[in-house]
Structure formats: C-alpha cells, structure tokens
Amino acid sequence: PSFQDLLIQAEEEYGYNHPLGALTIPCKEDIF
C-alpha cells in the first residue's frame, strides 16, 4: 500500500508519459 501511494502520486504528476522511459516517482530521494 505505501508503494501504491507513490504510484498514485506518479500518475497524478506525470500520467503515464514518463520522459525518462521508466516510471518516475515525484518524491525526495531520502523519503524513497
């Protein structure tokens, strides 16, 4: 569930078009 929360944030921020070619998660590195 906690990782799914990050996926929801990624969907809200970027949709499914990730310019780097992989899933991009919008959070600070230390939190991740």
PDB file of all heavy atoms in Angstrom:
ATOM      1  N   PRO A   1       0.807  -1.232   0.000  1.00  0.00           N
ATOM      2  CA  PRO A   1       0.000   0.000   0.000  1.00  0.00           C
ATOM      3  C   PRO A   1       0.838   1.280   0.000  1.00  0.00           C
ATOM      4  O   PRO A   1       0.482   2.241  -0.684  1.00  0.00           O
ATOM      5  CB  PRO A   1      -0.831  -0.108   1.274  1.00  0.00           C
ATOM      6  CG  PRO A   1      -0.916  -1.575   1.534  1.00  0.00           C
ATOM      7  CD  PRO A   1       0.394  -2.151   1.060  1.00  0.00           C
ATOM      8  N   SER A   2       1.931   1.307   0.725  1.00  0.00           N
ATOM      9  CA  SER A   2       2.744   2.535   0.763  1.00  0.00           C
ATOM     10  C   SER A   2       3.393   2.811  -0.591  1.00  0.00           C
ATOM     11  O   SER A   2       3.510   3.967  -1.007  1.00  0.00           O
ATOM     12  CB  SER A   2       3.801   2.445   1.864  1.00  0.00           C
ATOM     13  OG  SER A   2       4.573   1.286   1.715  1.00  0.00           O
ATOM     14  N   PHE A   3       3.788   1.752  -1.310  1.00  0.00           N
ATOM     15  CA  PHE A   3       4.355   1.952  -2.643  1.00  0.00           C
ATOM     16  C   PHE A   3       3.259   2.331  -3.631  1.00  0.00           C
ATOM     17  O   PHE A   3       3.474   3.138  -4.537  1.00  0.00           O
ATOM     18  CB  PHE A   3       5.100   0.694  -3.109  1.00  0.00           C
ATOM     19  CG  PHE A   3       6.048   0.968  -4.241  1.00  0.00           C
ATOM     20  CD1 PHE A   3       7.318   1.464  -3.997  1.00  0.00           C
ATOM     21  CD2 PHE A   3       5.666   0.763  -5.554  1.00  0.00           C
ATOM     22  CE1 PHE A   3       8.191   1.739  -5.037  1.00  0.00           C
ATOM     23  CE2 PHE A   3       6.528   1.031  -6.596  1.00  0.00           C
ATOM     24  CZ  PHE A   3       7.790   1.521  -6.338  1.00  0.00           C
ATOM     25  N   GLN A   4       2.071   1.782  -3.440  1.00  0.00           N
ATOM     26  CA  GLN A   4       0.949   2.137  -4.297  1.00  0.00           C
ATOM     27  C   GLN A   4       0.602   3.618  -4.157  1.00  0.00           C
ATOM     28  O   GLN A   4       0.211   4.256  -5.140  1.00  0.00           O
ATOM     29  CB  GLN A   4      -0.262   1.266  -3.973  1.00  0.00           C
ATOM     30  CG  GLN A   4      -0.072  -0.177  -4.387  1.00  0.00           C
ATOM     31  CD  GLN A   4      -1.206  -1.078  -3.942  1.00  0.00           C
ATOM     32  OE1 GLN A   4      -2.212  -0.611  -3.408  1.00  0.00           O
ATOM     33  NE2 GLN A   4      -1.049  -2.373  -4.152  1.00  0.00           N
ATOM     34  N   ASP A   5       0.783   4.169  -2.959  1.00  0.00           N
ATOM     35  CA  ASP A   5       0.571   5.607  -2.772  1.00  0.00           C
ATOM     36  C   ASP A   5       1.524   6.409  -3.659  1.00  0.00           C
ATOM     37  O   ASP A   5       1.138   7.419  -4.256  1.00  0.00           O
ATOM     38  CB  ASP A   5       0.759   6.004  -1.312  1.00  0.00           C
ATOM     39  CG  ASP A   5      -0.362   5.507  -0.411  1.00  0.00           C
ATOM     40  OD1 ASP A   5      -1.451   5.187  -0.926  1.00  0.00           O
ATOM     41  OD2 ASP A   5      -0.137   5.439   0.817  1.00  0.00           O
ATOM     42  N   LEU A   6       2.772   5.956  -3.751  1.00  0.00           N
ATOM     43  CA  LEU A   6       3.743   6.631  -4.627  1.00  0.00           C
ATOM     44  C   LEU A   6       3.323   6.518  -6.095  1.00  0.00           C
ATOM     45  O   LEU A   6       3.488   7.464  -6.867  1.00  0.00           O
ATOM     46  CB  LEU A   6       5.137   6.040  -4.443  1.00  0.00           C
ATOM     47  CG  LEU A   6       5.852   6.354  -3.141  1.00  0.00           C
ATOM     48  CD1 LEU A   6       7.206   5.662  -3.106  1.00  0.00           C
ATOM     49  CD2 LEU A   6       6.016   7.852  -2.947  1.00  0.00           C
ATOM     50  N   LEU A   7       2.784   5.368  -6.467  1.00  0.00           N
ATOM     51  CA  LEU A   7       2.331   5.185  -7.847  1.00  0.00           C
ATOM     52  C   LEU A   7       1.175   6.127  -8.182  1.00  0.00           C
ATOM     53  O   LEU A   7       1.105   6.672  -9.287  1.00  0.00           O
ATOM     54  CB  LEU A   7       1.902   3.738  -8.080  1.00  0.00           C
ATOM     55  CG  LEU A   7       3.005   2.690  -8.006  1.00  0.00           C
ATOM     56  CD1 LEU A   7       2.421   1.297  -8.159  1.00  0.00           C
ATOM     57  CD2 LEU A   7       4.076   2.946  -9.038  1.00  0.00           C
ATOM     58  N   ILE A   8       0.295   6.329  -7.221  1.00  0.00           N
ATOM     59  CA  ILE A   8      -0.821   7.253  -7.426  1.00  0.00           C
ATOM     60  C   ILE A   8      -0.285   8.677  -7.597  1.00  0.00           C
ATOM     61  O   ILE A   8      -0.736   9.425  -8.473  1.00  0.00           O
ATOM     62  CB  ILE A   8      -1.823   7.156  -6.258  1.00  0.00           C
ATOM     63  CG1 ILE A   8      -2.558   5.812  -6.316  1.00  0.00           C
ATOM     64  CG2 ILE A   8      -2.821   8.312  -6.296  1.00  0.00           C
ATOM     65  CD1 ILE A   8      -3.349   5.481  -5.076  1.00  0.00           C
ATOM     66  N   GLN A   9       0.697   9.052  -6.774  1.00  0.00           N
ATOM     67  CA  GLN A   9       1.313  10.381  -6.923  1.00  0.00           C
ATOM     68  C   GLN A   9       1.971  10.517  -8.294  1.00  0.00           C
ATOM     69  O   GLN A   9       1.871  11.563  -8.930  1.00  0.00           O
ATOM     70  CB  GLN A   9       2.362  10.604  -5.832  1.00  0.00           C
ATOM     71  CG  GLN A   9       1.802  10.802  -4.464  1.00  0.00           C
ATOM     72  CD  GLN A   9       2.911  10.957  -3.425  1.00  0.00           C
ATOM     73  OE1 GLN A   9       4.066  11.199  -3.755  1.00  0.00           O
ATOM     74  NE2 GLN A   9       2.550  10.802  -2.171  1.00  0.00           N
ATOM     75  N   ALA A  10       2.644   9.460  -8.748  1.00  0.00           N
ATOM     76  CA  ALA A  10       3.303   9.493 -10.055  1.00  0.00           C
ATOM     77  C   ALA A  10       2.272   9.662 -11.170  1.00  0.00           C
ATOM     78  O   ALA A  10       2.485  10.428 -12.109  1.00  0.00           O
ATOM     79  CB  ALA A  10       4.109   8.211 -10.269  1.00  0.00           C
ATOM     80  N   GLU A  11       1.148   8.956 -11.049  1.00  0.00           N
ATOM     81  CA  GLU A  11       0.094   9.079 -12.056  1.00  0.00           C
ATOM     82  C   GLU A  11      -0.466  10.499 -12.084  1.00  0.00           C
ATOM     83  O   GLU A  11      -0.674  11.082 -13.149  1.00  0.00           O
ATOM     84  CB  GLU A  11      -1.025   8.086 -11.776  1.00  0.00           C
ATOM     85  CG  GLU A  11      -2.167   8.188 -12.780  1.00  0.00           C
ATOM     86  CD  GLU A  11      -3.344   7.322 -12.431  1.00  0.00           C
ATOM     87  OE1 GLU A  11      -3.411   6.794 -11.306  1.00  0.00           O
ATOM     88  OE2 GLU A  11      -4.226   7.188 -13.297  1.00  0.00           O
ATOM     89  N   GLU A  12      -0.693  11.084 -10.903  1.00  0.00           N
ATOM     90  CA  GLU A  12      -1.238  12.437 -10.835  1.00  0.00           C
ATOM     91  C   GLU A  12      -0.256  13.466 -11.390  1.00  0.00           C
ATOM     92  O   GLU A  12      -0.654  14.418 -12.055  1.00  0.00           O
ATOM     93  CB  GLU A  12      -1.597  12.778  -9.390  1.00  0.00           C
ATOM     94  CG  GLU A  12      -2.800  12.005  -8.874  1.00  0.00           C
ATOM     95  CD  GLU A  12      -3.026  12.171  -7.378  1.00  0.00           C
ATOM     96  OE1 GLU A  12      -2.205  12.834  -6.702  1.00  0.00           O
ATOM     97  OE2 GLU A  12      -4.022  11.628  -6.874  1.00  0.00           O
ATOM     98  N   GLU A  13       1.021  13.260 -11.116  1.00  0.00           N
ATOM     99  CA  GLU A  13       2.043  14.222 -11.540  1.00  0.00           C
ATOM    100  C   GLU A  13       2.387  14.095 -13.022  1.00  0.00           C
ATOM    101  O   GLU A  13       2.501  15.082 -13.734  1.00  0.00           O
ATOM    102  CB  GLU A  13       3.311  14.015 -10.700  1.00  0.00           C
ATOM    103  CG  GLU A  13       4.456  14.928 -11.048  1.00  0.00           C
ATOM    104  CD  GLU A  13       4.448  16.220 -10.263  1.00  0.00           C
ATOM    105  OE1 GLU A  13       3.738  16.315  -9.255  1.00  0.00           O
ATOM    106  OE2 GLU A  13       5.175  17.130 -10.671  1.00  0.00           O
ATOM    107  N   TYR A  14       2.593  12.859 -13.485  1.00  0.00           N
ATOM    108  CA  TYR A  14       3.124  12.641 -14.830  1.00  0.00           C
ATOM    109  C   TYR A  14       2.171  11.911 -15.768  1.00  0.00           C
ATOM    110  O   TYR A  14       2.451  11.807 -16.962  1.00  0.00           O
ATOM    111  CB  TYR A  14       4.421  11.820 -14.760  1.00  0.00           C
ATOM    112  CG  TYR A  14       5.490  12.464 -13.929  1.00  0.00           C
ATOM    113  CD1 TYR A  14       5.851  11.944 -12.692  1.00  0.00           C
ATOM    114  CD2 TYR A  14       6.160  13.597 -14.376  1.00  0.00           C
ATOM    115  CE1 TYR A  14       6.833  12.527 -11.917  1.00  0.00           C
ATOM    116  CE2 TYR A  14       7.150  14.191 -13.606  1.00  0.00           C
ATOM    117  CZ  TYR A  14       7.478  13.647 -12.385  1.00  0.00           C
ATOM    118  OH  TYR A  14       8.453  14.223 -11.620  1.00  0.00           O
ATOM    119  N   GLY A  15       1.087  11.351 -15.268  1.00  0.00           N
ATOM    120  CA  GLY A  15       0.272  10.477 -16.109  1.00  0.00           C
ATOM    121  C   GLY A  15       1.085   9.236 -16.406  1.00  0.00           C
ATOM    122  O   GLY A  15       1.832   8.762 -15.558  1.00  0.00           O
ATOM    123  N   TYR A  16       0.964   8.727 -17.603  1.00  0.00           N
ATOM    124  CA  TYR A  16       1.757   7.545 -17.969  1.00  0.00           C
ATOM    125  C   TYR A  16       2.781   7.869 -19.046  1.00  0.00           C
ATOM    126  O   TYR A  16       3.330   6.978 -19.662  1.00  0.00           O
ATOM    127  CB  TYR A  16       0.835   6.412 -18.419  1.00  0.00           C
ATOM    128  CG  TYR A  16       0.043   5.846 -17.271  1.00  0.00           C
ATOM    129  CD1 TYR A  16      -1.319   6.030 -17.190  1.00  0.00           C
ATOM    130  CD2 TYR A  16       0.680   5.160 -16.254  1.00  0.00           C
ATOM    131  CE1 TYR A  16      -2.041   5.521 -16.129  1.00  0.00           C
ATOM    132  CE2 TYR A  16      -0.029   4.653 -15.183  1.00  0.00           C
ATOM    133  CZ  TYR A  16      -1.385   4.829 -15.129  1.00  0.00           C
ATOM    134  OH  TYR A  16      -2.091   4.335 -14.083  1.00  0.00           O
ATOM    135  N   ASN A  17       3.053   9.125 -19.263  1.00  0.00           N
ATOM    136  CA  ASN A  17       4.070   9.525 -20.218  1.00  0.00           C
ATOM    137  C   ASN A  17       5.306   9.959 -19.439  1.00  0.00           C
ATOM    138  O   ASN A  17       5.403  11.100 -18.989  1.00  0.00           O
ATOM    139  CB  ASN A  17       3.554  10.671 -21.096  1.00  0.00           C
ATOM    140  CG  ASN A  17       4.553  11.061 -22.147  1.00  0.00           C
ATOM    141  OD1 ASN A  17       5.468  10.315 -22.458  1.00  0.00           O
ATOM    142  ND2 ASN A  17       4.389  12.244 -22.695  1.00  0.00           N
ATOM    143  N   HIS A  18       6.230   9.045 -19.253  1.00  0.00           N
ATOM    144  CA  HIS A  18       7.428   9.333 -18.472  1.00  0.00           C
ATOM    145  C   HIS A  18       8.593   9.589 -19.421  1.00  0.00           C
ATOM    146  O   HIS A  18       9.016   8.683 -20.140  1.00  0.00           O
ATOM    147  CB  HIS A  18       7.736   8.165 -17.529  1.00  0.00           C
ATOM    148  CG  HIS A  18       6.650   7.939 -16.540  1.00  0.00           C
ATOM    149  ND1 HIS A  18       6.574   8.636 -15.366  1.00  0.00           N
ATOM    150  CD2 HIS A  18       5.574   7.123 -16.563  1.00  0.00           C
ATOM    151  CE1 HIS A  18       5.500   8.242 -14.699  1.00  0.00           C
ATOM    152  NE2 HIS A  18       4.874   7.332 -15.404  1.00  0.00           N
ATOM    153  N   PRO A  19       9.098  10.804 -19.441  1.00  0.00           N
ATOM    154  CA  PRO A  19      10.119  11.179 -20.409  1.00  0.00           C
ATOM    155  C   PRO A  19      11.420  10.397 -20.267  1.00  0.00           C
ATOM    156  O   PRO A  19      12.175  10.283 -21.227  1.00  0.00           O
ATOM    157  CB  PRO A  19      10.356  12.675 -20.138  1.00  0.00           C
ATOM    158  CG  PRO A  19       9.812  12.923 -18.775  1.00  0.00           C
ATOM    159  CD  PRO A  19       8.747  11.900 -18.546  1.00  0.00           C
ATOM    160  N   LEU A  20      11.696   9.821 -19.114  1.00  0.00           N
ATOM    161  CA  LEU A  20      12.941   9.077 -18.923  1.00  0.00           C
ATOM    162  C   LEU A  20      12.818   7.623 -19.368  1.00  0.00           C
ATOM    163  O   LEU A  20      13.779   6.881 -19.324  1.00  0.00           O
ATOM    164  CB  LEU A  20      13.378   9.148 -17.454  1.00  0.00           C
ATOM    165  CG  LEU A  20      13.704  10.558 -16.950  1.00  0.00           C
ATOM    166  CD1 LEU A  20      13.950  10.558 -15.455  1.00  0.00           C
ATOM    167  CD2 LEU A  20      14.909  11.118 -17.681  1.00  0.00           C
ATOM    168  N   GLY A  21      11.635   7.202 -19.773  1.00  0.00           N
ATOM    169  CA  GLY A  21      11.448   5.854 -20.271  1.00  0.00           C
ATOM    170  C   GLY A  21      11.118   4.830 -19.196  1.00  0.00           C
ATOM    171  O   GLY A  21      10.866   3.682 -19.492  1.00  0.00           O
ATOM    172  N   ALA A  22      11.134   5.221 -17.967  1.00  0.00           N
ATOM    173  CA  ALA A  22      10.751   4.344 -16.858  1.00  0.00           C
ATOM    174  C   ALA A  22       9.852   5.147 -15.934  1.00  0.00           C
ATOM    175  O   ALA A  22       9.728   6.363 -16.067  1.00  0.00           O
ATOM    176  CB  ALA A  22      11.986   3.846 -16.109  1.00  0.00           C
ATOM    177  N   LEU A  23       9.258   4.466 -14.997  1.00  0.00           N
ATOM    178  CA  LEU A  23       8.376   5.117 -14.037  1.00  0.00           C
ATOM    179  C   LEU A  23       9.144   6.200 -13.281  1.00  0.00           C
ATOM    180  O   LEU A  23      10.238   5.958 -12.790  1.00  0.00           O
ATOM    181  CB  LEU A  23       7.840   4.068 -13.066  1.00  0.00           C
ATOM    182  CG  LEU A  23       6.874   4.547 -12.007  1.00  0.00           C
ATOM    183  CD1 LEU A  23       5.603   5.078 -12.640  1.00  0.00           C
ATOM    184  CD2 LEU A  23       6.548   3.410 -11.068  1.00  0.00           C
ATOM    185  N   THR A  24       8.571   7.387 -13.209  1.00  0.00           N
ATOM    186  CA  THR A  24       9.173   8.491 -12.473  1.00  0.00           C
ATOM    187  C   THR A  24       8.317   8.777 -11.250  1.00  0.00           C
ATOM    188  O   THR A  24       7.111   8.996 -11.377  1.00  0.00           O
ATOM    189  CB  THR A  24       9.266   9.754 -13.358  1.00  0.00           C
ATOM    190  OG1 THR A  24       9.960   9.425 -14.558  1.00  0.00           O
ATOM    191  CG2 THR A  24       9.994  10.865 -12.635  1.00  0.00           C
ATOM    192  N   ILE A  25       8.937   8.743 -10.077  1.00  0.00           N
ATOM    193  CA  ILE A  25       8.215   8.945  -8.830  1.00  0.00           C
ATOM    194  C   ILE A  25       8.584  10.305  -8.256  1.00  0.00           C
ATOM    195  O   ILE A  25       9.756  10.574  -7.998  1.00  0.00           O
ATOM    196  CB  ILE A  25       8.529   7.820  -7.823  1.00  0.00           C
ATOM    197  CG1 ILE A  25       8.052   6.487  -8.414  1.00  0.00           C
ATOM    198  CG2 ILE A  25       7.869   8.094  -6.485  1.00  0.00           C
ATOM    199  CD1 ILE A  25       8.312   5.301  -7.557  1.00  0.00           C
ATOM    200  N   PRO A  26       7.578  11.170  -8.058  1.00  0.00           N
ATOM    201  CA  PRO A  26       7.841  12.528  -7.592  1.00  0.00           C
ATOM    202  C   PRO A  26       7.954  12.620  -6.070  1.00  0.00           C
ATOM    203  O   PRO A  26       7.020  13.043  -5.394  1.00  0.00           O
ATOM    204  CB  PRO A  26       6.630  13.301  -8.106  1.00  0.00           C
ATOM    205  CG  PRO A  26       5.524  12.301  -8.061  1.00  0.00           C
ATOM    206  CD  PRO A  26       6.170  10.986  -8.370  1.00  0.00           C
ATOM    207  N   CYS A  27       9.074  12.200  -5.528  1.00  0.00           N
ATOM    208  CA  CYS A  27       9.304  12.367  -4.100  1.00  0.00           C
ATOM    209  C   CYS A  27      10.800  12.535  -3.872  1.00  0.00           C
ATOM    210  O   CYS A  27      11.605  12.263  -4.760  1.00  0.00           O
ATOM    211  CB  CYS A  27       8.749  11.201  -3.281  1.00  0.00           C
ATOM    212  SG  CYS A  27       9.700   9.699  -3.310  1.00  0.00           S
ATOM    213  N   LYS A  28      11.150  12.979  -2.683  1.00  0.00           N
ATOM    214  CA  LYS A  28      12.558  13.164  -2.360  1.00  0.00           C
ATOM    215  C   LYS A  28      13.237  11.807  -2.253  1.00  0.00           C
ATOM    216  O   LYS A  28      12.641  10.826  -1.818  1.00  0.00           O
ATOM    217  CB  LYS A  28      12.704  13.922  -1.048  1.00  0.00           C
ATOM    218  CG  LYS A  28      12.215  15.345  -1.129  1.00  0.00           C
ATOM    219  CD  LYS A  28      12.419  16.054   0.182  1.00  0.00           C
ATOM    220  CE  LYS A  28      11.923  17.491   0.092  1.00  0.00           C
ATOM    221  NZ  LYS A  28      12.090  18.216   1.336  1.00  0.00           N
ATOM    222  N   GLU A  29      14.490  11.783  -2.658  1.00  0.00           N
ATOM    223  CA  GLU A  29      15.248  10.536  -2.665  1.00  0.00           C
ATOM    224  C   GLU A  29      15.334   9.914  -1.271  1.00  0.00           C
ATOM    225  O   GLU A  29      15.169   8.694  -1.122  1.00  0.00           O
ATOM    226  CB  GLU A  29      16.651  10.795  -3.210  1.00  0.00           C
ATOM    227  CG  GLU A  29      17.478   9.560  -3.384  1.00  0.00           C
ATOM    228  CD  GLU A  29      18.855   9.854  -3.955  1.00  0.00           C
ATOM    229  OE1 GLU A  29      19.029  10.852  -4.686  1.00  0.00           O
ATOM    230  OE2 GLU A  29      19.765   9.073  -3.644  1.00  0.00           O
ATOM    231  N   ASP A  30      15.551  10.723  -0.235  1.00  0.00           N
ATOM    232  CA  ASP A  30      15.676  10.167   1.118  1.00  0.00           C
ATOM    233  C   ASP A  30      14.369   9.545   1.607  1.00  0.00           C
ATOM    234  O   ASP A  30      14.379   8.518   2.305  1.00  0.00           O
ATOM    235  CB  ASP A  30      16.198  11.208   2.107  1.00  0.00           C
ATOM    236  CG  ASP A  30      15.319  12.452   2.191  1.00  0.00           C
ATOM    237  OD1 ASP A  30      14.563  12.728   1.258  1.00  0.00           O
ATOM    238  OD2 ASP A  30      15.420  13.155   3.221  1.00  0.00           O
ATOM    239  N   ILE A  31      13.234  10.101   1.212  1.00  0.00           N
ATOM    240  CA  ILE A  31      11.938   9.523   1.571  1.00  0.00           C
ATOM    241  C   ILE A  31      11.762   8.179   0.875  1.00  0.00           C
ATOM    242  O   ILE A  31      11.315   7.201   1.476  1.00  0.00           O
ATOM    243  CB  ILE A  31      10.789  10.489   1.222  1.00  0.00           C
ATOM    244  CG1 ILE A  31      10.867  11.734   2.103  1.00  0.00           C
ATOM    245  CG2 ILE A  31       9.432   9.813   1.341  1.00  0.00           C
ATOM    246  CD1 ILE A  31       9.919  12.841   1.711  1.00  0.00           C
ATOM    247  N   PHE A  32      12.135   8.125  -0.407  1.00  0.00           N
ATOM    248  CA  PHE A  32      12.034   6.876  -1.161  1.00  0.00           C
ATOM    249  C   PHE A  32      12.934   5.804  -0.548  1.00  0.00           C
ATOM    250  O   PHE A  32      12.520   4.654  -0.394  1.00  0.00           O
ATOM    251  CB  PHE A  32      12.401   7.117  -2.626  1.00  0.00           C
ATOM    252  CG  PHE A  32      12.306   5.893  -3.482  1.00  0.00           C
ATOM    253  CD1 PHE A  32      11.075   5.443  -3.935  1.00  0.00           C
ATOM    254  CD2 PHE A  32      13.440   5.182  -3.833  1.00  0.00           C
ATOM    255  CE1 PHE A  32      10.978   4.311  -4.722  1.00  0.00           C
ATOM    256  CE2 PHE A  32      13.352   4.046  -4.618  1.00  0.00           C
ATOM    257  CZ  PHE A  32      12.119   3.615  -5.068  1.00  0.00           C
TER     258      PHE A  32
END
